[in-house]
C-alpha atoms as a PDB file:
ATOM      1  CA  UNK A   1       0.302   3.772  33.064  1.00  0.00           C
ATOM      2  CA  UNK A   2       1.130   7.514  32.150  1.00  0.00           C
ATOM      3  CA  UNK A   3       4.014   6.201  30.113  1.00  0.00           C
ATOM      4  CA  UNK A   4       2.355   3.798  28.056  1.00  0.00           C
ATOM      5  CA  UNK A   5      -0.563   6.393  27.365  1.00  0.00           C
ATOM      6  CA  UNK A   6       2.107   8.581  26.338  1.00  0.00           C
ATOM      7  CA  UNK A   7       3.672   6.130  23.998  1.00  0.00           C
ATOM      8  CA  UNK A   8       0.199   5.176  22.809  1.00  0.00           C
ATOM      9  CA  UNK A   9      -0.452   8.852  21.648  1.00  0.00           C
ATOM     10  CA  UNK A  10       2.813   9.523  20.179  1.00  0.00           C
ATOM     11  CA  UNK A  11       2.248   6.318  18.042  1.00  0.00           C
ATOM     12  CA  UNK A  12      -1.552   7.051  17.178  1.00  0.00           C
ATOM     13  CA  UNK A  13      -0.069  10.532  15.987  1.00  0.00           C
ATOM     14  CA  UNK A  14       2.557   9.066  13.733  1.00  0.00           C
ATOM     15  CA  UNK A  15       0.089   6.486  12.418  1.00  0.00           C
ATOM     16  CA  UNK A  16      -2.513   9.223  11.696  1.00  0.00           C
ATOM     17  CA  UNK A  17       0.249  11.277   9.611  1.00  0.00           C
ATOM     18  CA  UNK A  18       1.173   8.406   7.831  1.00  0.00           C
ATOM     19  CA  UNK A  19      -2.399   7.815   6.738  1.00  0.00           C
ATOM     20  CA  UNK A  20      -2.917  11.071   5.231  1.00  0.00           C
ATOM     21  CA  UNK A  21      -3.443  10.128   1.719  1.00  0.00           C
ATOM     22  CA  UNK A  22      -5.747   7.165   2.400  1.00  0.00           C
ATOM     23  CA  UNK A  23      -7.934   9.546   4.795  1.00  0.00           C
ATOM     24  CA  UNK A  24      -7.982  12.185   2.090  1.00  0.00           C
ATOM     25  CA  UNK A  25      -9.370   9.694  -0.379  1.00  0.00           C
ATOM     26  CA  UNK A  26     -11.775   8.461   1.993  1.00  0.00           C
ATOM     27  CA  UNK A  27     -12.829  12.209   2.540  1.00  0.00           C
ATOM     28  CA  UNK A  28     -13.057  12.695  -1.242  1.00  0.00           C
ATOM     29  CA  UNK A  29     -15.063   9.617  -1.587  1.00  0.00           C
ATOM     30  CA  UNK A  30     -17.722  10.893   1.034  1.00  0.00           C
ATOM     31  CA  UNK A  31     -17.713  14.413  -0.423  1.00  0.00           C
ATOM     32  CA  UNK A  32     -17.917  13.450  -3.992  1.00  0.00           C
ATOM     33  CA  UNK A  33     -21.118  11.409  -2.868  1.00  0.00           C
ATOM     34  CA  UNK A  34     -22.672  14.672  -1.597  1.00  0.00           C
ATOM     35  CA  UNK A  35     -21.473  17.323  -3.913  1.00  0.00           C
ATOM     36  CA  UNK A  36     -22.119  16.988  -7.650  1.00  0.00           C
ATOM     37  CA  UNK A  37     -20.443  19.552 -10.091  1.00  0.00           C
ATOM     38  CA  UNK A  38     -22.249  19.779 -13.555  1.00  0.00           C
ATOM     39  CA  UNK A  39     -19.946  18.602 -16.409  1.00  0.00           C
ATOM     40  CA  UNK A  40     -17.675  16.973 -14.153  1.00  0.00           C
ATOM     41  CA  UNK A  41     -18.256  13.207 -13.558  1.00  0.00           C
ATOM     42  CA  UNK A  42     -17.530  12.060  -9.964  1.00  0.00           C
ATOM     43  CA  UNK A  43     -14.813   9.853 -10.980  1.00  0.00           C
ATOM     44  CA  UNK A  44     -12.816  12.499 -12.906  1.00  0.00           C
ATOM     45  CA  UNK A  45     -13.589  14.779  -9.884  1.00  0.00           C
ATOM     46  CA  UNK A  46     -11.641  12.232  -7.649  1.00  0.00           C
ATOM     47  CA  UNK A  47      -8.654  11.694  -9.981  1.00  0.00           C
ATOM     48  CA  UNK A  48      -8.318  15.682  -9.998  1.00  0.00           C
ATOM     49  CA  UNK A  49      -8.672  15.782  -6.187  1.00  0.00           C
ATOM     50  CA  UNK A  50      -6.009  12.977  -5.926  1.00  0.00           C
ATOM     51  CA  UNK A  51      -3.492  14.693  -8.283  1.00  0.00           C
ATOM     52  CA  UNK A  52      -3.723  17.902  -6.494  1.00  0.00           C
ATOM     53  CA  UNK A  53      -3.321  16.504  -3.364  1.00  0.00           C
ATOM     54  CA  UNK A  54      -0.298  14.433  -4.428  1.00  0.00           C
ATOM     55  CA  UNK A  55       1.352  17.760  -5.575  1.00  0.00           C
ATOM     56  CA  UNK A  56       0.617  19.377  -2.164  1.00  0.00           C
ATOM     57  CA  UNK A  57       2.217  16.433  -0.237  1.00  0.00           C
ATOM     58  CA  UNK A  58       5.588  16.526  -2.336  1.00  0.00           C
ATOM     59  CA  UNK A  59       5.550  20.359  -2.283  1.00  0.00           C
ATOM     60  CA  UNK A  60       4.751  20.762   1.548  1.00  0.00           C
ATOM     61  CA  UNK A  61       7.645  18.307   2.486  1.00  0.00           C
ATOM     62  CA  UNK A  62       5.161  15.763   3.596  1.00  0.00           C
ATOM     63  CA  UNK A  63       6.484  13.140   1.127  1.00  0.00           C
ATOM     64  CA  UNK A  64       9.932  13.166  -0.524  1.00  0.00           C
ATOM     65  CA  UNK A  65      10.460  12.932  -4.365  1.00  0.00           C
ATOM     66  CA  UNK A  66      12.014   9.449  -3.777  1.00  0.00           C
ATOM     67  CA  UNK A  67       8.647   8.398  -1.892  1.00  0.00           C
ATOM     68  CA  UNK A  68       6.733   9.715  -4.987  1.00  0.00           C
ATOM     69  CA  UNK A  69       8.536   7.307  -7.310  1.00  0.00           C
ATOM     70  CA  UNK A  70       7.762   4.528  -5.320  1.00  0.00           C
ATOM     71  CA  UNK A  71       4.185   5.608  -5.164  1.00  0.00           C
ATOM     72  CA  UNK A  72       4.209   6.055  -8.825  1.00  0.00           C
ATOM     73  CA  UNK A  73       5.468   2.413  -9.238  1.00  0.00           C
ATOM     74  CA  UNK A  74       2.517   1.238  -7.118  1.00  0.00           C
ATOM     75  CA  UNK A  75       0.177   3.427  -9.045  1.00  0.00           C
ATOM     76  CA  UNK A  76       0.938   1.549 -12.379  1.00  0.00           C
ATOM     77  CA  UNK A  77       1.051  -1.735 -10.748  1.00  0.00           C
ATOM     78  CA  UNK A  78      -2.285  -1.292  -9.182  1.00  0.00           C
ATOM     79  CA  UNK A  79      -3.932   0.111 -12.175  1.00  0.00           C
ATOM     80  CA  UNK A  80      -2.793  -3.047 -14.261  1.00  0.00           C
ATOM     81  CA  UNK A  81      -4.390  -5.152 -11.598  1.00  0.00           C
ATOM     82  CA  UNK A  82      -7.488  -3.372 -11.945  1.00  0.00           C
ATOM     83  CA  UNK A  83      -7.891  -3.409 -15.358  1.00  0.00           C
ATOM     84  CA  UNK A  84      -7.501  -7.097 -15.591  1.00  0.00           C
ATOM     85  CA  UNK A  85      -9.925  -7.619 -12.337  1.00  0.00           C
ATOM     86  CA  UNK A  86     -12.662  -5.486 -14.143  1.00  0.00           C
ATOM     87  CA  UNK A  87     -12.266  -7.437 -17.426  1.00  0.00           C
ATOM     88  CA  UNK A  88     -12.695 -10.633 -15.475  1.00  0.00           C
ATOM     89  CA  UNK A  89     -15.990  -9.428 -13.617  1.00  0.00           C
ATOM     90  CA  UNK A  90     -14.379  -9.363 -10.146  1.00  0.00           C
ATOM     91  CA  UNK A  91     -15.672  -5.870  -9.547  1.00  0.00           C
ATOM     92  CA  UNK A  92     -16.855  -2.560 -11.452  1.00  0.00           C
ATOM     93  CA  UNK A  93     -16.807   0.941 -11.563  1.00  0.00           C
ATOM     94  CA  UNK A  94     -20.518   1.600 -12.993  1.00  0.00           C
ATOM     95  CA  UNK A  95     -20.497   5.272 -13.055  1.00  0.00           C
ATOM     96  CA  UNK A  96     -19.488   7.301 -16.371  1.00  0.00           C
ATOM     97  CA  UNK A  97     -15.989   9.003 -16.486  1.00  0.00           C
ATOM     98  CA  UNK A  98     -14.028  10.703 -19.116  1.00  0.00           C
ATOM     99  CA  UNK A  99     -10.838   9.539 -17.625  1.00  0.00           C
ATOM    100  CA  UNK A 100     -11.459   5.815 -17.729  1.00  0.00           C
ATOM    101  CA  UNK A 101      -9.076   3.070 -19.206  1.00  0.00           C
ATOM    102  CA  UNK A 102     -10.563  -0.369 -20.356  1.00  0.00           C
ATOM    103  CA  UNK A 103     -13.431   0.298 -17.881  1.00  0.00           C
ATOM    104  CA  UNK A 104     -11.263   1.600 -14.904  1.00  0.00           C
ATOM    105  CA  UNK A 105     -11.170   5.142 -14.007  1.00  0.00           C
ATOM    106  CA  UNK A 106      -7.776   6.418 -13.509  1.00  0.00           C
ATOM    107  CA  UNK A 107      -8.135   7.540  -9.912  1.00  0.00           C
ATOM    108  CA  UNK A 108      -8.283   4.090  -8.763  1.00  0.00           C
ATOM    109  CA  UNK A 109      -4.732   3.594  -8.935  1.00  0.00           C
ATOM    110  CA  UNK A 110      -4.461   6.282  -6.237  1.00  0.00           C
ATOM    111  CA  UNK A 111      -5.934   3.911  -4.037  1.00  0.00           C
ATOM    112  CA  UNK A 112      -2.959   1.350  -4.217  1.00  0.00           C
ATOM    113  CA  UNK A 113      -0.722   4.357  -4.053  1.00  0.00           C
ATOM    114  CA  UNK A 114      -2.088   5.303  -1.087  1.00  0.00           C
ATOM    115  CA  UNK A 115      -1.177   2.095   0.377  1.00  0.00           C
ATOM    116  CA  UNK A 116       2.393   2.702  -0.714  1.00  0.00           C
ATOM    117  CA  UNK A 117       2.113   6.176   0.772  1.00  0.00           C
ATOM    118  CA  UNK A 118       1.418   4.954   4.056  1.00  0.00           C
ATOM    119  CA  UNK A 119       4.245   2.524   4.084  1.00  0.00           C
ATOM    120  CA  UNK A 120       6.808   5.217   3.107  1.00  0.00           C
ATOM    121  CA  UNK A 121       5.436   7.654   5.553  1.00  0.00           C
ATOM    122  CA  UNK A 122       5.400   5.158   8.445  1.00  0.00           C
ATOM    123  CA  UNK A 123       8.854   3.813   7.485  1.00  0.00           C
ATOM    124  CA  UNK A 124      10.361   7.327   7.828  1.00  0.00           C
ATOM    125  CA  UNK A 125       8.321   8.642  10.924  1.00  0.00           C
ATOM    126  CA  UNK A 126       8.600   5.582  13.077  1.00  0.00           C
ATOM    127  CA  UNK A 127      12.254   4.730  11.995  1.00  0.00           C
ATOM    128  CA  UNK A 128      11.434   1.379  10.716  1.00  0.00           C
ATOM    129  CA  UNK A 129      14.150  -1.060  10.430  1.00  0.00           C
ATOM    130  CA  UNK A 130      14.000  -5.121   9.701  1.00  0.00           C
ATOM    131  CA  UNK A 131      16.012  -8.010  11.351  1.00  0.00           C
ATOM    132  CA  UNK A 132      16.687 -11.059   9.474  1.00  0.00           C
ATOM    133  CA  UNK A 133      15.118 -10.174   6.250  1.00  0.00           C
ATOM    134  CA  UNK A 134      15.451 -12.973   3.857  1.00  0.00           C
ATOM    135  CA  UNK A 135      17.661 -13.147   0.979  1.00  0.00           C
ATOM    136  CA  UNK A 136      16.711 -11.320  -2.126  1.00  0.00           C
ATOM    137  CA  UNK A 137      16.865 -14.751  -3.873  1.00  0.00           C
ATOM    138  CA  UNK A 138      13.873 -15.759  -2.190  1.00  0.00           C
ATOM    139  CA  UNK A 139      12.132 -12.622  -1.207  1.00  0.00           C
ATOM    140  CA  UNK A 140      11.798 -11.234  -4.969  1.00  0.00           C
ATOM    141  CA  UNK A 141      10.540 -14.406  -6.744  1.00  0.00           C
ATOM    142  CA  UNK A 142       7.859 -15.015  -3.888  1.00  0.00           C
ATOM    143  CA  UNK A 143       6.694 -11.394  -4.347  1.00  0.00           C
ATOM    144  CA  UNK A 144       6.380 -11.830  -7.812  1.00  0.00           C
ATOM    145  CA  UNK A 145       4.553 -15.104  -7.490  1.00  0.00           C
ATOM    146  CA  UNK A 146       1.883 -13.569  -5.075  1.00  0.00           C
ATOM    147  CA  UNK A 147       1.338 -10.709  -7.496  1.00  0.00           C
ATOM    148  CA  UNK A 148       1.039 -12.749 -10.543  1.00  0.00           C
ATOM    149  CA  UNK A 149      -1.293 -15.178  -8.786  1.00  0.00           C
ATOM    150  CA  UNK A 150      -3.782 -12.530  -8.618  1.00  0.00           C
ATOM    151  CA  UNK A 151      -3.948 -12.857 -12.468  1.00  0.00           C
ATOM    152  CA  UNK A 152      -3.525 -16.624 -12.847  1.00  0.00           C
ATOM    153  CA  UNK A 153      -5.911 -17.673 -10.630  1.00  0.00           C
ATOM    154  CA  UNK A 154      -8.568 -17.067 -12.676  1.00  0.00           C
ATOM    155  CA  UNK A 155      -7.234 -19.712 -15.461  1.00  0.00           C
ATOM    156  CA  UNK A 156      -5.314 -22.258 -13.210  1.00  0.00           C
ATOM    157  CA  UNK A 157      -5.495 -23.339  -9.503  1.00  0.00           C
ATOM    158  CA  UNK A 158      -5.352 -20.668  -6.684  1.00  0.00           C
ATOM    159  CA  UNK A 159      -2.083 -21.282  -4.925  1.00  0.00           C
ATOM    160  CA  UNK A 160      -2.602 -18.207  -2.317  1.00  0.00           C
ATOM    161  CA  UNK A 161      -2.507 -20.806   0.638  1.00  0.00           C
ATOM    162  CA  UNK A 162       0.656 -22.456  -0.628  1.00  0.00           C
ATOM    163  CA  UNK A 163       2.014 -18.760  -0.945  1.00  0.00           C
ATOM    164  CA  UNK A 164       0.734 -17.916   2.574  1.00  0.00           C
ATOM    165  CA  UNK A 165       2.423 -20.893   4.083  1.00  0.00           C
ATOM    166  CA  UNK A 166       5.550 -20.056   2.169  1.00  0.00           C
ATOM    167  CA  UNK A 167       5.333 -16.672   3.574  1.00  0.00           C
ATOM    168  CA  UNK A 168       5.387 -17.825   7.116  1.00  0.00           C
ATOM    169  CA  UNK A 169       8.221 -20.105   6.413  1.00  0.00           C
ATOM    170  CA  UNK A 170      10.400 -17.536   4.941  1.00  0.00           C
ATOM    171  CA  UNK A 171       9.598 -14.844   7.263  1.00  0.00           C
ATOM    172  CA  UNK A 172       9.121 -16.599  10.710  1.00  0.00           C
ATOM    173  CA  UNK A 173      12.524 -15.236  11.971  1.00  0.00           C
ATOM    174  CA  UNK A 174      12.063 -11.689  10.531  1.00  0.00           C
ATOM    175  CA  UNK A 175      11.040  -8.524  12.873  1.00  0.00           C
ATOM    176  CA  UNK A 176      10.097  -5.236  12.176  1.00  0.00           C
ATOM    177  CA  UNK A 177      11.481  -2.713  14.554  1.00  0.00           C
ATOM    178  CA  UNK A 178      10.084   0.826  15.147  1.00  0.00           C
ATOM    179  CA  UNK A 179      10.558   3.867  17.196  1.00  0.00           C
ATOM    180  CA  UNK A 180       8.117   5.337  19.521  1.00  0.00           C
ATOM    181  CA  UNK A 181       9.544   8.617  21.018  1.00  0.00           C
ATOM    182  CA  UNK A 182      12.767   7.431  22.388  1.00  0.00           C
ATOM    183  CA  UNK A 183      11.969   3.575  22.910  1.00  0.00           C
ATOM    184  CA  UNK A 184      12.753   0.937  20.079  1.00  0.00           C
ATOM    185  CA  UNK A 185       9.921  -1.563  19.700  1.00  0.00           C
ATOM    186  CA  UNK A 186       9.336  -4.908  17.795  1.00  0.00           C
ATOM    187  CA  UNK A 187       6.822  -7.024  16.331  1.00  0.00           C
ATOM    188  CA  UNK A 188       7.033 -10.405  14.144  1.00  0.00           C
ATOM    189  CA  UNK A 189       7.029  -9.346  10.478  1.00  0.00           C
ATOM    190  CA  UNK A 190       4.037 -11.715   9.588  1.00  0.00           C
ATOM    191  CA  UNK A 191       1.962 -10.035  12.313  1.00  0.00           C
ATOM    192  CA  UNK A 192       2.516  -6.749  10.942  1.00  0.00           C
ATOM    193  CA  UNK A 193       1.430  -8.135   7.463  1.00  0.00           C
ATOM    194  CA  UNK A 194      -1.924  -9.302   9.047  1.00  0.00           C
ATOM    195  CA  UNK A 195      -2.530  -6.347  10.817  1.00  0.00           C
ATOM    196  CA  UNK A 196      -2.148  -3.953   7.807  1.00  0.00           C
ATOM    197  CA  UNK A 197      -4.185  -6.350   5.765  1.00  0.00           C
ATOM    198  CA  UNK A 198      -6.925  -6.345   8.285  1.00  0.00           C
ATOM    199  CA  UNK A 199      -7.109  -2.471   8.405  1.00  0.00           C
ATOM    200  CA  UNK A 200      -7.027  -2.130   4.652  1.00  0.00           C
ATOM    201  CA  UNK A 201     -10.084  -4.537   4.657  1.00  0.00           C
ATOM    202  CA  UNK A 202     -11.892  -2.252   6.941  1.00  0.00           C
ATOM    203  CA  UNK A 203     -10.762   0.665   4.752  1.00  0.00           C
ATOM    204  CA  UNK A 204     -12.356  -1.416   1.866  1.00  0.00           C
ATOM    205  CA  UNK A 205     -15.691  -1.615   3.568  1.00  0.00           C
ATOM    206  CA  UNK A 206     -15.743   2.089   3.833  1.00  0.00           C
ATOM    207  CA  UNK A 207     -14.655   2.732   0.297  1.00  0.00           C
ATOM    208  CA  UNK A 208     -17.350   0.069  -1.312  1.00  0.00           C
ATOM    209  CA  UNK A 209     -19.947   1.996   1.018  1.00  0.00           C
ATOM    210  CA  UNK A 210     -19.000   5.354  -0.464  1.00  0.00           C
ATOM    211  CA  UNK A 211     -19.265   3.692  -4.062  1.00  0.00           C
ATOM    212  CA  UNK A 212     -15.588   3.903  -5.056  1.00  0.00           C
ATOM    213  CA  UNK A 213     -16.478   0.368  -6.669  1.00  0.00           C
ATOM    214  CA  UNK A 214     -18.661  -2.490  -6.478  1.00  0.00           C
ATOM    215  CA  UNK A 215     -18.484  -6.281  -5.952  1.00  0.00           C
ATOM    216  CA  UNK A 216     -20.960  -8.378  -7.875  1.00  0.00           C
ATOM    217  CA  UNK A 217     -22.871  -9.200  -4.473  1.00  0.00           C
ATOM    218  CA  UNK A 218     -23.015  -5.216  -3.880  1.00  0.00           C
ATOM    219  CA  UNK A 219     -24.944  -4.384  -7.266  1.00  0.00           C
ATOM    220  CA  UNK A 220     -28.286  -4.236  -5.381  1.00  0.00           C
ATOM    221  CA  UNK A 221     -27.059  -2.685  -2.178  1.00  0.00           C
ATOM    222  CA  UNK A 222     -24.102  -2.341  -0.150  1.00  0.00           C
ATOM    223  CA  UNK A 223     -23.076  -5.363   1.753  1.00  0.00           C
ATOM    224  CA  UNK A 224     -20.108  -6.197   4.048  1.00  0.00           C
ATOM    225  CA  UNK A 225     -16.999  -7.284   2.066  1.00  0.00           C
ATOM    226  CA  UNK A 226     -16.398 -10.879   2.453  1.00  0.00           C
ATOM    227  CA  UNK A 227     -13.659 -11.865   5.096  1.00  0.00           C
ATOM    228  CA  UNK A 228     -11.829 -13.745   2.656  1.00  0.00           C
ATOM    229  CA  UNK A 229     -10.763 -10.540   1.161  1.00  0.00           C
ATOM    230  CA  UNK A 230      -8.555 -10.184   4.279  1.00  0.00           C
ATOM    231  CA  UNK A 231      -6.343 -12.822   2.865  1.00  0.00           C
ATOM    232  CA  UNK A 232      -5.946 -11.092  -0.694  1.00  0.00           C
ATOM    233  CA  UNK A 233      -5.084  -7.895   1.025  1.00  0.00           C
ATOM    234  CA  UNK A 234      -2.660  -9.672   3.343  1.00  0.00           C
ATOM    235  CA  UNK A 235      -0.888 -10.910   0.236  1.00  0.00           C
ATOM    236  CA  UNK A 236      -1.021  -7.511  -1.591  1.00  0.00           C
ATOM    237  CA  UNK A 237       0.641  -5.733   1.623  1.00  0.00           C
ATOM    238  CA  UNK A 238       3.318  -8.140   1.399  1.00  0.00           C
ATOM    239  CA  UNK A 239       4.096  -7.172  -2.299  1.00  0.00           C
ATOM    240  CA  UNK A 240       3.827  -3.812  -1.223  1.00  0.00           C
ATOM    241  CA  UNK A 241       6.255  -4.340   1.649  1.00  0.00           C
ATOM    242  CA  UNK A 242       8.877  -6.304  -0.393  1.00  0.00           C
ATOM    243  CA  UNK A 243       8.777  -3.576  -3.132  1.00  0.00           C
ATOM    244  CA  UNK A 244       9.349  -0.695  -0.423  1.00  0.00           C
ATOM    245  CA  UNK A 245      12.049  -2.962   1.405  1.00  0.00           C
ATOM    246  CA  UNK A 246      13.897  -3.915  -1.427  1.00  0.00           C
ATOM    247  CA  UNK A 247      14.113  -0.346  -3.084  1.00  0.00           C
ATOM    248  CA  UNK A 248      15.165   0.930   0.349  1.00  0.00           C
ATOM    249  CA  UNK A 249      17.932  -1.718   0.184  1.00  0.00           C
ATOM    250  CA  UNK A 250      19.039  -0.690  -3.382  1.00  0.00           C
ATOM    251  CA  UNK A 251      19.083   2.962  -2.309  1.00  0.00           C
ATOM    252  CA  UNK A 252      21.309   2.109   0.881  1.00  0.00           C
ATOM    253  CA  UNK A 253      23.685   0.172  -1.077  1.00  0.00           C
ATOM    254  CA  UNK A 254      24.149   2.825  -3.779  1.00  0.00           C
ATOM    255  CA  UNK A 255      24.670   5.465  -1.072  1.00  0.00           C
ATOM    256  CA  UNK A 256      27.107   3.317   0.615  1.00  0.00           C
ATOM    257  CA  UNK A 257      29.175   2.775  -2.345  1.00  0.00           C
ATOM    258  CA  UNK A 258      31.027   6.005  -2.419  1.00  0.00           C
ATOM    259  CA  UNK A 259      31.937   5.650   1.050  1.00  0.00           C
ATOM    260  CA  UNK A 260      33.211   2.189   0.381  1.00  0.00           C
ATOM    261  CA  UNK A 261      35.326   3.330  -2.450  1.00  0.00           C
ATOM    262  CA  UNK A 262      36.674   6.036  -0.050  1.00  0.00           C
ATOM    263  CA  UNK A 263      37.725   3.532   2.704  1.00  0.00           C
ATOM    264  CA  UNK A 264      39.568   1.468   0.175  1.00  0.00           C
ATOM    265  CA  UNK A 265      41.305   4.532  -1.348  1.00  0.00           C
ATOM    266  CA  UNK A 266      42.100   5.392   2.399  1.00  0.00           C
ATOM    267  CA  UNK A 267      43.514   2.085   3.201  1.00  0.00           C
ATOM    268  CA  UNK A 268      45.790   2.080   0.171  1.00  0.00           C
ATOM    269  CA  UNK A 269      47.451   5.354   1.463  1.00  0.00           C
END
């Protein structure tokens, strides 16, 4: 029992450290609801706080510059999705802000970036590796199809359940390995997707409670976010995971290239 408790404590600590950016955003949402700065709208204050914390994460070494590049990609992808969804009336940002683009406050991109921050941090802290990762020929188009379905389902049929079936077919053999202290553990990759999606849904309820954004059914008062949103976050987590995994694969391939060249030269000699 003491061994399992020690492993649980270590795993919880590493997960908590990986969640620094999301926790900071939640804290900022709560604080900004209680404190009002004259002349500085709440959404603009959140943008300023997120920028400062991002600088702190990099300068302190909690995040690497490579991880910052990944997070920036997520910020842009998330902001594009936010602009479209707000335009379609899926949710809204009712408060005034100077730093708004097509009705979307720029801080909103950091909420997607915080998911990328968690994935990058957990990947490094828990020494994550993948087994039986599908071929890029299948993974990349699937990730693209999932992302674009968030847009196209407003005009055509929603194929999320077909995509979900494709996910389980494609990843049914895949495992994610992680290290807790000196022990190597694993779980099926689809289970990891579901768990992360579920916890993001919980985080979404906290965020909407603090007024980060509002769904149409929350205009008159806060209500629990519909359970169907778990499937949306499940799919978005997969897109995020695919991007991180593929970028890490590219980085590893580029890093191995000089080694391969040296090996060929040595063989010739």
